[in-house]
Amino acid sequence: MHGMRVELIVFLAGLTMLVSGLVMFYTVGSADPPLRAVKNAGTFVGIGGIGVMLAGVLLYLISKNEPPISEDLGV
């Protein structure tokens, strides 16, 4: 992972969590109590994935290099 930035890694981890949470939620029927627990865990994993993706986006926005403000007042 020499060329990958931390923001991208965090975002991809969040995306993986979101997808796995969606799979856990929508593929499991809620017939048995143990399967219902898996479905509820999928809900929390998916919501956590959204939060981790947001953290990756915020890390990217914070670490962006903005050009310095040059004030040319025409004096």
C-alpha atoms as a PDB file:
ATOM      1  CA  MET A   1       0.000   0.000   0.000  1.00  0.00           C
ATOM      2  CA  HIS A   2       2.813   2.264  -0.873  1.00  0.00           C
ATOM      3  CA  GLY A   3       0.867   4.717  -3.009  1.00  0.00           C
ATOM      4  CA  MET A   4      -2.495   4.647  -1.238  1.00  0.00           C
ATOM      5  CA  ARG A   5      -3.418   7.497   1.017  1.00  0.00           C
ATOM      6  CA  VAL A   6      -4.972   7.048   4.448  1.00  0.00           C
ATOM      7  CA  GLU A   7      -8.172   8.782   3.398  1.00  0.00           C
ATOM      8  CA  LEU A   8      -8.758   6.302   0.598  1.00  0.00           C
ATOM      9  CA  ILE A   9      -8.090   3.341   2.876  1.00  0.00           C
ATOM     10  CA  VAL A  10     -10.556   4.655   5.477  1.00  0.00           C
ATOM     11  CA  PHE A  11     -13.174   5.337   2.800  1.00  0.00           C
ATOM     12  CA  LEU A  12     -12.792   1.858   1.303  1.00  0.00           C
ATOM     13  CA  ALA A  13     -13.041   0.263   4.749  1.00  0.00           C
ATOM     14  CA  GLY A  14     -16.291   2.165   5.334  1.00  0.00           C
ATOM     15  CA  LEU A  15     -17.619   1.127   1.938  1.00  0.00           C
ATOM     16  CA  THR A  16     -16.807  -2.501   2.727  1.00  0.00           C
ATOM     17  CA  MET A  17     -18.598  -2.206   6.064  1.00  0.00           C
ATOM     18  CA  LEU A  18     -21.636  -0.646   4.391  1.00  0.00           C
ATOM     19  CA  VAL A  19     -21.869  -3.353   1.733  1.00  0.00           C
ATOM     20  CA  SER A  20     -21.401  -6.176   4.237  1.00  0.00           C
ATOM     21  CA  GLY A  21     -24.039  -4.618   6.498  1.00  0.00           C
ATOM     22  CA  LEU A  22     -26.482  -4.425   3.599  1.00  0.00           C
ATOM     23  CA  VAL A  23     -25.804  -8.054   2.716  1.00  0.00           C
ATOM     24  CA  MET A  24     -26.307  -9.127   6.327  1.00  0.00           C
ATOM     25  CA  PHE A  25     -29.549  -7.149   6.582  1.00  0.00           C
ATOM     26  CA  TYR A  26     -31.214  -8.114   3.317  1.00  0.00           C
ATOM     27  CA  THR A  27     -30.148 -11.760   2.917  1.00  0.00           C
ATOM     28  CA  VAL A  28     -31.237 -12.952   6.361  1.00  0.00           C
ATOM     29  CA  GLY A  29     -34.879 -13.614   7.095  1.00  0.00           C
ATOM     30  CA  SER A  30     -36.118 -12.755  10.561  1.00  0.00           C
ATOM     31  CA  ALA A  31     -37.621 -16.148  11.398  1.00  0.00           C
ATOM     32  CA  ASP A  32     -35.225 -17.391  14.091  1.00  0.00           C
ATOM     33  CA  PRO A  33     -33.894 -15.295  16.977  1.00  0.00           C
ATOM     34  CA  PRO A  34     -30.205 -16.021  16.114  1.00  0.00           C
ATOM     35  CA  LEU A  35     -30.819 -14.911  12.535  1.00  0.00           C
ATOM     36  CA  ARG A  36     -32.614 -11.834  13.815  1.00  0.00           C
ATOM     37  CA  ALA A  37     -29.450 -10.999  15.769  1.00  0.00           C
ATOM     38  CA  VAL A  38     -27.423 -11.254  12.549  1.00  0.00           C
ATOM     39  CA  LYS A  39     -29.895  -8.946  10.831  1.00  0.00           C
ATOM     40  CA  ASN A  40     -29.641  -6.417  13.670  1.00  0.00           C
ATOM     41  CA  ALA A  41     -25.843  -6.657  13.564  1.00  0.00           C
ATOM     42  CA  GLY A  42     -26.029  -5.916   9.837  1.00  0.00           C
ATOM     43  CA  THR A  43     -27.927  -2.752  10.629  1.00  0.00           C
ATOM     44  CA  PHE A  44     -25.245  -1.518  13.005  1.00  0.00           C
ATOM     45  CA  VAL A  45     -22.388  -2.550  10.711  1.00  0.00           C
ATOM     46  CA  GLY A  46     -23.999  -0.655   7.830  1.00  0.00           C
ATOM     47  CA  ILE A  47     -24.572   2.478   9.899  1.00  0.00           C
ATOM     48  CA  GLY A  48     -21.006   2.258  11.210  1.00  0.00           C
ATOM     49  CA  GLY A  49     -19.788   1.936   7.626  1.00  0.00           C
ATOM     50  CA  ILE A  50     -21.554   5.157   6.706  1.00  0.00           C
ATOM     51  CA  GLY A  51     -19.783   6.880   9.604  1.00  0.00           C
ATOM     52  CA  VAL A  52     -16.384   5.511   8.579  1.00  0.00           C
ATOM     53  CA  MET A  53     -16.968   6.625   4.981  1.00  0.00           C
ATOM     54  CA  LEU A  54     -17.831  10.110   6.246  1.00  0.00           C
ATOM     55  CA  ALA A  55     -14.617  10.115   8.292  1.00  0.00           C
ATOM     56  CA  GLY A  56     -12.630   9.243   5.162  1.00  0.00           C
ATOM     57  CA  VAL A  57     -14.237  12.098   3.232  1.00  0.00           C
ATOM     58  CA  LEU A  58     -13.551  14.529   6.085  1.00  0.00           C
ATOM     59  CA  LEU A  59      -9.924  13.385   6.295  1.00  0.00           C
ATOM     60  CA  TYR A  60      -9.590  14.046   2.584  1.00  0.00           C
ATOM     61  CA  LEU A  61     -11.112  17.511   2.866  1.00  0.00           C
ATOM     62  CA  ILE A  62      -8.982  18.450   5.872  1.00  0.00           C
ATOM     63  CA  SER A  63      -5.715  17.279   4.335  1.00  0.00           C
ATOM     64  CA  LYS A  64      -6.217  18.970   0.959  1.00  0.00           C
ATOM     65  CA  ASN A  65      -3.461  21.445   0.191  1.00  0.00           C
ATOM     66  CA  GLU A  66      -5.046  24.756  -0.610  1.00  0.00           C
ATOM     67  CA  PRO A  67      -3.019  27.429  -2.365  1.00  0.00           C
ATOM     68  CA  PRO A  68      -2.091  30.319  -0.099  1.00  0.00           C
ATOM     69  CA  ILE A  69      -4.212  33.438  -0.368  1.00  0.00           C
ATOM     70  CA  SER A  70      -2.330  36.145  -2.203  1.00  0.00           C
ATOM     71  CA  GLU A  71      -3.757  39.546  -1.529  1.00  0.00           C
ATOM     72  CA  ASP A  72      -3.102  41.829  -4.421  1.00  0.00           C
ATOM     73  CA  LEU A  73      -4.578  45.139  -3.374  1.00  0.00           C
ATOM     74  CA  GLY A  74      -3.201  47.009  -6.363  1.00  0.00           C
ATOM     75  CA  VAL A  75      -1.185  49.400  -4.225  1.00  0.00           C
END
